[in-house]
Every structure is written in structure tokens, then in C-alpha cells.
């Protein structure tokens, strides 16, 4: 895995007027760097662990995001 120890991830900073801002880091379940440490980190911070649909040519995942007021 070419020495990488941090899983590939996507940062999302969501702001909508009237709702609390939400900052997420989404990581990928099948990333070789996803070990127990990173799974615990994601769970403790409420970060989604994406499971890609490898049957789709675009390798898509669906994420539900709930905003609070």
C-alpha cells in the first residue's frame, strides 16, 4: 500500500442557514489502511465509513446526513 497509514478520505463542510454546521470526514471501508484504530476514530467522531458499490461503474456510495437546528 505504498507506506500510507492514513485512509483515503473526503472532507465535507456543510453549512445551511438555520442549521448547525456539520463537518465530516468520510472514509472508505475497503481502504487497506482502514484498521481497528481508524474504525474506532470514525465511530467516535460520527464520521461515515463508506461501503462502495463495486458493481457500479462509478463505484458509488450513499450517505445520509441529518442536520440539526
PDB file of N, CA and C in Angstrom:
ATOM      1  N   UNK A   1       0.827  -1.206   0.000  1.00  0.00           N
ATOM      2  CA  UNK A   1       0.000   0.000   0.000  1.00  0.00           C
ATOM      3  C   UNK A   1       0.859   1.253   0.000  1.00  0.00           C
ATOM      4  N   UNK A   2       2.059   1.140  -0.443  1.00  0.00           N
ATOM      5  CA  UNK A   2       2.978   2.261  -0.644  1.00  0.00           C
ATOM      6  C   UNK A   2       3.197   3.101   0.614  1.00  0.00           C
ATOM      7  N   UNK A   3       3.163   2.483   1.789  1.00  0.00           N
ATOM      8  CA  UNK A   3       3.501   3.171   3.022  1.00  0.00           C
ATOM      9  C   UNK A   3       2.447   4.105   3.590  1.00  0.00           C
ATOM     10  N   UNK A   4       1.278   4.178   2.986  1.00  0.00           N
ATOM     11  CA  UNK A   4       0.238   5.076   3.502  1.00  0.00           C
ATOM     12  C   UNK A   4      -0.374   4.493   4.764  1.00  0.00           C
ATOM     13  N   UNK A   5      -0.507   5.327   5.787  1.00  0.00           N
ATOM     14  CA  UNK A   5      -1.103   4.868   7.031  1.00  0.00           C
ATOM     15  C   UNK A   5      -2.415   5.564   7.348  1.00  0.00           C
ATOM     16  N   UNK A   6      -2.732   6.645   6.660  1.00  0.00           N
ATOM     17  CA  UNK A   6      -3.999   7.347   6.846  1.00  0.00           C
ATOM     18  C   UNK A   6      -4.922   6.940   5.698  1.00  0.00           C
ATOM     19  N   UNK A   7      -6.133   6.470   6.012  1.00  0.00           N
ATOM     20  CA  UNK A   7      -7.041   6.056   4.942  1.00  0.00           C
ATOM     21  C   UNK A   7      -7.395   7.220   4.015  1.00  0.00           C
ATOM     22  N   UNK A   8      -7.673   6.881   2.778  1.00  0.00           N
ATOM     23  CA  UNK A   8      -8.188   7.879   1.845  1.00  0.00           C
ATOM     24  C   UNK A   8      -9.506   8.401   2.420  1.00  0.00           C
ATOM     25  N   UNK A   9      -9.757   9.694   2.272  1.00  0.00           N
ATOM     26  CA  UNK A   9     -10.951  10.264   2.866  1.00  0.00           C
ATOM     27  C   UNK A   9     -11.385  11.515   2.108  1.00  0.00           C
ATOM     28  N   UNK A  10     -12.616  11.911   2.382  1.00  0.00           N
ATOM     29  CA  UNK A  10     -13.203  13.098   1.768  1.00  0.00           C
ATOM     30  C   UNK A  10     -13.692  13.999   2.897  1.00  0.00           C
ATOM     31  N   UNK A  11     -13.311  15.277   2.852  1.00  0.00           N
ATOM     32  CA  UNK A  11     -13.791  16.257   3.832  1.00  0.00           C
ATOM     33  C   UNK A  11     -15.054  16.905   3.278  1.00  0.00           C
ATOM     34  N   UNK A  12     -16.064  17.034   4.130  1.00  0.00           N
ATOM     35  CA  UNK A  12     -17.297  17.727   3.771  1.00  0.00           C
ATOM     36  C   UNK A  12     -17.623  18.711   4.878  1.00  0.00           C
ATOM     37  N   UNK A  13     -17.726  19.974   4.527  1.00  0.00           N
ATOM     38  CA  UNK A  13     -18.132  21.019   5.464  1.00  0.00           C
ATOM     39  C   UNK A  13     -19.474  21.540   4.983  1.00  0.00           C
ATOM     40  N   UNK A  14     -20.519  21.268   5.759  1.00  0.00           N
ATOM     41  CA  UNK A  14     -21.880  21.570   5.327  1.00  0.00           C
ATOM     42  C   UNK A  14     -22.419  22.720   6.160  1.00  0.00           C
ATOM     43  N   UNK A  15     -22.870  23.770   5.481  1.00  0.00           N
ATOM     44  CA  UNK A  15     -23.494  24.895   6.161  1.00  0.00           C
ATOM     45  C   UNK A  15     -24.796  25.220   5.441  1.00  0.00           C
ATOM     46  N   UNK A  16     -25.869  25.304   6.221  1.00  0.00           N
ATOM     47  CA  UNK A  16     -27.191  25.647   5.704  1.00  0.00           C
ATOM     48  C   UNK A  16     -27.792  26.645   6.682  1.00  0.00           C
ATOM     49  N   UNK A  17     -28.284  27.748   6.163  1.00  0.00           N
ATOM     50  CA  UNK A  17     -28.849  28.775   7.031  1.00  0.00           C
ATOM     51  C   UNK A  17     -29.955  28.178   7.905  1.00  0.00           C
ATOM     52  N   UNK A  18     -29.877  28.449   9.206  1.00  0.00           N
ATOM     53  CA  UNK A  18     -30.871  27.962  10.145  1.00  0.00           C
ATOM     54  C   UNK A  18     -30.526  26.622  10.774  1.00  0.00           C
ATOM     55  N   UNK A  19     -29.406  26.010  10.370  1.00  0.00           N
ATOM     56  CA  UNK A  19     -28.989  24.719  10.914  1.00  0.00           C
ATOM     57  C   UNK A  19     -27.557  24.802  11.423  1.00  0.00           C
ATOM     58  N   UNK A  20     -27.236  23.923  12.364  1.00  0.00           N
ATOM     59  CA  UNK A  20     -25.864  23.860  12.870  1.00  0.00           C
ATOM     60  C   UNK A  20     -24.951  23.333  11.759  1.00  0.00           C
ATOM     61  N   UNK A  21     -23.783  23.927  11.620  1.00  0.00           N
ATOM     62  CA  UNK A  21     -22.810  23.462  10.622  1.00  0.00           C
ATOM     63  C   UNK A  21     -22.368  22.051  10.978  1.00  0.00           C
ATOM     64  N   UNK A  22     -22.020  21.285   9.969  1.00  0.00           N
ATOM     65  CA  UNK A  22     -21.573  19.909  10.180  1.00  0.00           C
ATOM     66  C   UNK A  22     -20.310  19.695   9.365  1.00  0.00           C
ATOM     67  N   UNK A  23     -19.266  19.200  10.011  1.00  0.00           N
ATOM     68  CA  UNK A  23     -18.001  18.885   9.348  1.00  0.00           C
ATOM     69  C   UNK A  23     -17.778  17.383   9.440  1.00  0.00           C
ATOM     70  N   UNK A  24     -17.597  16.753   8.302  1.00  0.00           N
ATOM     71  CA  UNK A  24     -17.430  15.306   8.243  1.00  0.00           C
ATOM     72  C   UNK A  24     -16.149  14.942   7.517  1.00  0.00           C
ATOM     73  N   UNK A  25     -15.604  13.813   7.890  1.00  0.00           N
ATOM     74  CA  UNK A  25     -14.554  13.174   7.102  1.00  0.00           C
ATOM     75  C   UNK A  25     -15.067  11.778   6.789  1.00  0.00           C
ATOM     76  N   UNK A  26     -15.291  11.522   5.538  1.00  0.00           N
ATOM     77  CA  UNK A  26     -15.798  10.224   5.119  1.00  0.00           C
ATOM     78  C   UNK A  26     -14.637   9.349   4.680  1.00  0.00           C
ATOM     79  N   UNK A  27     -14.579   8.126   5.228  1.00  0.00           N
ATOM     80  CA  UNK A  27     -13.517   7.186   4.892  1.00  0.00           C
ATOM     81  C   UNK A  27     -14.137   5.980   4.181  1.00  0.00           C
ATOM     82  N   UNK A  28     -13.309   5.154   3.588  1.00  0.00           N
ATOM     83  CA  UNK A  28     -13.779   4.051   2.761  1.00  0.00           C
ATOM     84  C   UNK A  28     -13.498   2.712   3.426  1.00  0.00           C
ATOM     85  N   UNK A  29     -14.536   1.903   3.547  1.00  0.00           N
ATOM     86  CA  UNK A  29     -14.465   0.622   4.237  1.00  0.00           C
ATOM     87  C   UNK A  29     -13.406  -0.309   3.650  1.00  0.00           C
ATOM     88  N   UNK A  30     -13.254  -0.305   2.333  1.00  0.00           N
ATOM     89  CA  UNK A  30     -12.332  -1.257   1.700  1.00  0.00           C
ATOM     90  C   UNK A  30     -10.911  -0.714   1.532  1.00  0.00           C
ATOM     91  N   UNK A  31     -10.625   0.448   2.133  1.00  0.00           N
ATOM     92  CA  UNK A  31      -9.280   1.019   2.050  1.00  0.00           C
ATOM     93  C   UNK A  31      -8.323   0.128   2.855  1.00  0.00           C
ATOM     94  N   UNK A  32      -7.201  -0.275   2.287  1.00  0.00           N
ATOM     95  CA  UNK A  32      -6.252  -1.117   3.018  1.00  0.00           C
ATOM     96  C   UNK A  32      -5.736  -0.488   4.318  1.00  0.00           C
ATOM     97  N   UNK A  33      -5.781   0.831   4.437  1.00  0.00           N
ATOM     98  CA  UNK A  33      -5.321   1.495   5.660  1.00  0.00           C
ATOM     99  C   UNK A  33      -6.396   1.539   6.749  1.00  0.00           C
ATOM    100  N   UNK A  34      -7.623   1.124   6.449  1.00  0.00           N
ATOM    101  CA  UNK A  34      -8.695   1.119   7.457  1.00  0.00           C
ATOM    102  C   UNK A  34      -8.470  -0.050   8.412  1.00  0.00           C
ATOM    103  N   UNK A  35      -7.922   0.268   9.568  1.00  0.00           N
ATOM    104  CA  UNK A  35      -7.692  -0.761  10.582  1.00  0.00           C
ATOM    105  C   UNK A  35      -8.577  -0.454  11.794  1.00  0.00           C
ATOM    106  N   UNK A  36      -8.413  -1.200  12.865  1.00  0.00           N
ATOM    107  CA  UNK A  36      -9.248  -1.007  14.053  1.00  0.00           C
ATOM    108  C   UNK A  36      -9.128   0.408  14.616  1.00  0.00           C
ATOM    109  N   UNK A  37      -7.918   0.966  14.580  1.00  0.00           N
ATOM    110  CA  UNK A  37      -7.719   2.331  15.081  1.00  0.00           C
ATOM    111  C   UNK A  37      -8.609   3.308  14.322  1.00  0.00           C
ATOM    112  N   UNK A  38      -8.591   3.262  12.983  1.00  0.00           N
ATOM    113  CA  UNK A  38      -9.347   4.226  12.177  1.00  0.00           C
ATOM    114  C   UNK A  38     -10.845   3.962  12.246  1.00  0.00           C
ATOM    115  N   UNK A  39     -11.247   2.700  12.382  1.00  0.00           N
ATOM    116  CA  UNK A  39     -12.682   2.399  12.543  1.00  0.00           C
ATOM    117  C   UNK A  39     -13.196   2.995  13.856  1.00  0.00           C
ATOM    118  N   UNK A  40     -12.420   2.878  14.928  1.00  0.00           N
ATOM    119  CA  UNK A  40     -12.800   3.458  16.211  1.00  0.00           C
ATOM    120  C   UNK A  40     -12.839   4.981  16.107  1.00  0.00           C
ATOM    121  N   UNK A  41     -11.846   5.566  15.467  1.00  0.00           N
ATOM    122  CA  UNK A  41     -11.790   7.022  15.262  1.00  0.00           C
ATOM    123  C   UNK A  41     -13.034   7.510  14.533  1.00  0.00           C
ATOM    124  N   UNK A  42     -13.418   6.819  13.465  1.00  0.00           N
ATOM    125  CA  UNK A  42     -14.605   7.215  12.694  1.00  0.00           C
ATOM    126  C   UNK A  42     -15.863   7.109  13.559  1.00  0.00           C
ATOM    127  N   UNK A  43     -16.005   6.024  14.289  1.00  0.00           N
ATOM    128  CA  UNK A  43     -17.187   5.826  15.133  1.00  0.00           C
ATOM    129  C   UNK A  43     -17.273   6.889  16.228  1.00  0.00           C
ATOM    130  N   UNK A  44     -16.161   7.154  16.897  1.00  0.00           N
ATOM    131  CA  UNK A  44     -16.159   8.128  17.994  1.00  0.00           C
ATOM    132  C   UNK A  44     -16.473   9.541  17.522  1.00  0.00           C
ATOM    133  N   UNK A  45     -16.129   9.860  16.276  1.00  0.00           N
ATOM    134  CA  UNK A  45     -16.361  11.202  15.744  1.00  0.00           C
ATOM    135  C   UNK A  45     -17.621  11.304  14.896  1.00  0.00           C
ATOM    136  N   UNK A  46     -18.341  10.201  14.743  1.00  0.00           N
ATOM    137  CA  UNK A  46     -19.562  10.218  13.942  1.00  0.00           C
ATOM    138  C   UNK A  46     -19.293  10.378  12.456  1.00  0.00           C
ATOM    139  N   UNK A  47     -18.125   9.919  12.009  1.00  0.00           N
ATOM    140  CA  UNK A  47     -17.768  10.029  10.597  1.00  0.00           C
ATOM    141  C   UNK A  47     -18.231   8.778   9.849  1.00  0.00           C
ATOM    142  N   UNK A  48     -18.843   8.967   8.698  1.00  0.00           N
ATOM    143  CA  UNK A  48     -19.306   7.813   7.927  1.00  0.00           C
ATOM    144  C   UNK A  48     -18.153   6.982   7.368  1.00  0.00           C
ATOM    145  N   UNK A  49     -18.343   5.670   7.402  1.00  0.00           N
ATOM    146  CA  UNK A  49     -17.432   4.738   6.737  1.00  0.00           C
ATOM    147  C   UNK A  49     -18.193   4.244   5.505  1.00  0.00           C
ATOM    148  N   UNK A  50     -17.762   4.676   4.343  1.00  0.00           N
ATOM    149  CA  UNK A  50     -18.483   4.385   3.104  1.00  0.00           C
ATOM    150  C   UNK A  50     -18.201   2.985   2.592  1.00  0.00           C
ATOM    151  N   UNK A  51     -19.260   2.301   2.211  1.00  0.00           N
ATOM    152  CA  UNK A  51     -19.141   0.990   1.567  1.00  0.00           C
ATOM    153  C   UNK A  51     -19.492   1.207   0.102  1.00  0.00           C
ATOM    154  N   UNK A  52     -18.486   1.160  -0.740  1.00  0.00           N
ATOM    155  CA  UNK A  52     -18.685   1.425  -2.154  1.00  0.00           C
ATOM    156  C   UNK A  52     -19.384   0.261  -2.844  1.00  0.00           C
ATOM    157  N   UNK A  53     -20.270   0.603  -3.767  1.00  0.00           N
ATOM    158  CA  UNK A  53     -20.918  -0.390  -4.607  1.00  0.00           C
ATOM    159  C   UNK A  53     -19.987  -0.639  -5.782  1.00  0.00           C
ATOM    160  N   UNK A  54     -19.238  -1.710  -5.716  1.00  0.00           N
ATOM    161  CA  UNK A  54     -18.258  -2.001  -6.766  1.00  0.00           C
ATOM    162  C   UNK A  54     -18.889  -2.571  -8.027  1.00  0.00           C
ATOM    163  N   UNK A  55     -20.207  -2.834  -7.986  1.00  0.00           N
ATOM    164  CA  UNK A  55     -20.905  -3.305  -9.183  1.00  0.00           C
ATOM    165  C   UNK A  55     -21.189  -2.148 -10.139  1.00  0.00           C
ATOM    166  N   UNK A  56     -21.220  -0.939  -9.597  1.00  0.00           N
ATOM    167  CA  UNK A  56     -21.487   0.249 -10.399  1.00  0.00           C
ATOM    168  C   UNK A  56     -20.192   0.733 -11.038  1.00  0.00           C
ATOM    169  N   UNK A  57     -20.234   1.159 -12.288  1.00  0.00           N
ATOM    170  CA  UNK A  57     -19.008   1.676 -12.920  1.00  0.00           C
ATOM    171  C   UNK A  57     -18.420   2.889 -12.177  1.00  0.00           C
ATOM    172  N   UNK A  58     -19.273   3.639 -11.490  1.00  0.00           N
ATOM    173  CA  UNK A  58     -18.803   4.831 -10.785  1.00  0.00           C
ATOM    174  C   UNK A  58     -18.358   4.525  -9.354  1.00  0.00           C
ATOM    175  N   UNK A  59     -18.473   3.275  -8.893  1.00  0.00           N
ATOM    176  CA  UNK A  59     -18.143   2.900  -7.508  1.00  0.00           C
ATOM    177  C   UNK A  59     -18.796   3.869  -6.533  1.00  0.00           C
ATOM    178  N   UNK A  60     -20.096   3.863  -6.476  1.00  0.00           N
ATOM    179  CA  UNK A  60     -20.878   4.816  -5.687  1.00  0.00           C
ATOM    180  C   UNK A  60     -21.163   4.319  -4.282  1.00  0.00           C
ATOM    181  N   UNK A  61     -21.385   5.292  -3.380  1.00  0.00           N
ATOM    182  CA  UNK A  61     -21.842   5.036  -2.012  1.00  0.00           C
ATOM    183  C   UNK A  61     -22.905   6.058  -1.692  1.00  0.00           C
ATOM    184  N   UNK A  62     -23.810   5.725  -0.800  1.00  0.00           N
ATOM    185  CA  UNK A  62     -24.872   6.633  -0.372  1.00  0.00           C
ATOM    186  C   UNK A  62     -24.643   6.998   1.089  1.00  0.00           C
ATOM    187  N   UNK A  63     -24.786   8.291   1.390  1.00  0.00           N
ATOM    188  CA  UNK A  63     -24.595   8.785   2.752  1.00  0.00           C
ATOM    189  C   UNK A  63     -25.818   9.605   3.138  1.00  0.00           C
ATOM    190  N   UNK A  64     -26.378   9.309   4.305  1.00  0.00           N
ATOM    191  CA  UNK A  64     -27.458  10.139   4.836  1.00  0.00           C
ATOM    192  C   UNK A  64     -26.875  11.111   5.841  1.00  0.00           C
ATOM    193  N   UNK A  65     -27.215  12.386   5.707  1.00  0.00           N
ATOM    194  CA  UNK A  65     -26.706  13.425   6.619  1.00  0.00           C
ATOM    195  C   UNK A  65     -27.899  14.118   7.254  1.00  0.00           C
ATOM    196  N   UNK A  66     -27.929  14.151   8.576  1.00  0.00           N
ATOM    197  CA  UNK A  66     -29.004  14.815   9.301  1.00  0.00           C
ATOM    198  C   UNK A  66     -28.463  16.098   9.907  1.00  0.00           C
ATOM    199  N   UNK A  67     -29.146  17.205   9.629  1.00  0.00           N
ATOM    200  CA  UNK A  67     -28.758  18.497  10.191  1.00  0.00           C
ATOM    201  C   UNK A  67     -29.698  18.836  11.332  1.00  0.00           C
ATOM    202  N   UNK A  68     -29.176  19.506  12.354  1.00  0.00           N
ATOM    203  CA  UNK A  68     -29.991  19.925  13.487  1.00  0.00           C
ATOM    204  C   UNK A  68     -30.055  21.440  13.524  1.00  0.00           C
ATOM    205  N   UNK A  69     -31.109  21.934  14.121  1.00  0.00           N
ATOM    206  CA  UNK A  69     -31.271  23.381  14.206  1.00  0.00           C
ATOM    207  C   UNK A  69     -30.653  23.926  15.462  1.00  0.00           C
TER     208      UNK A  69
END
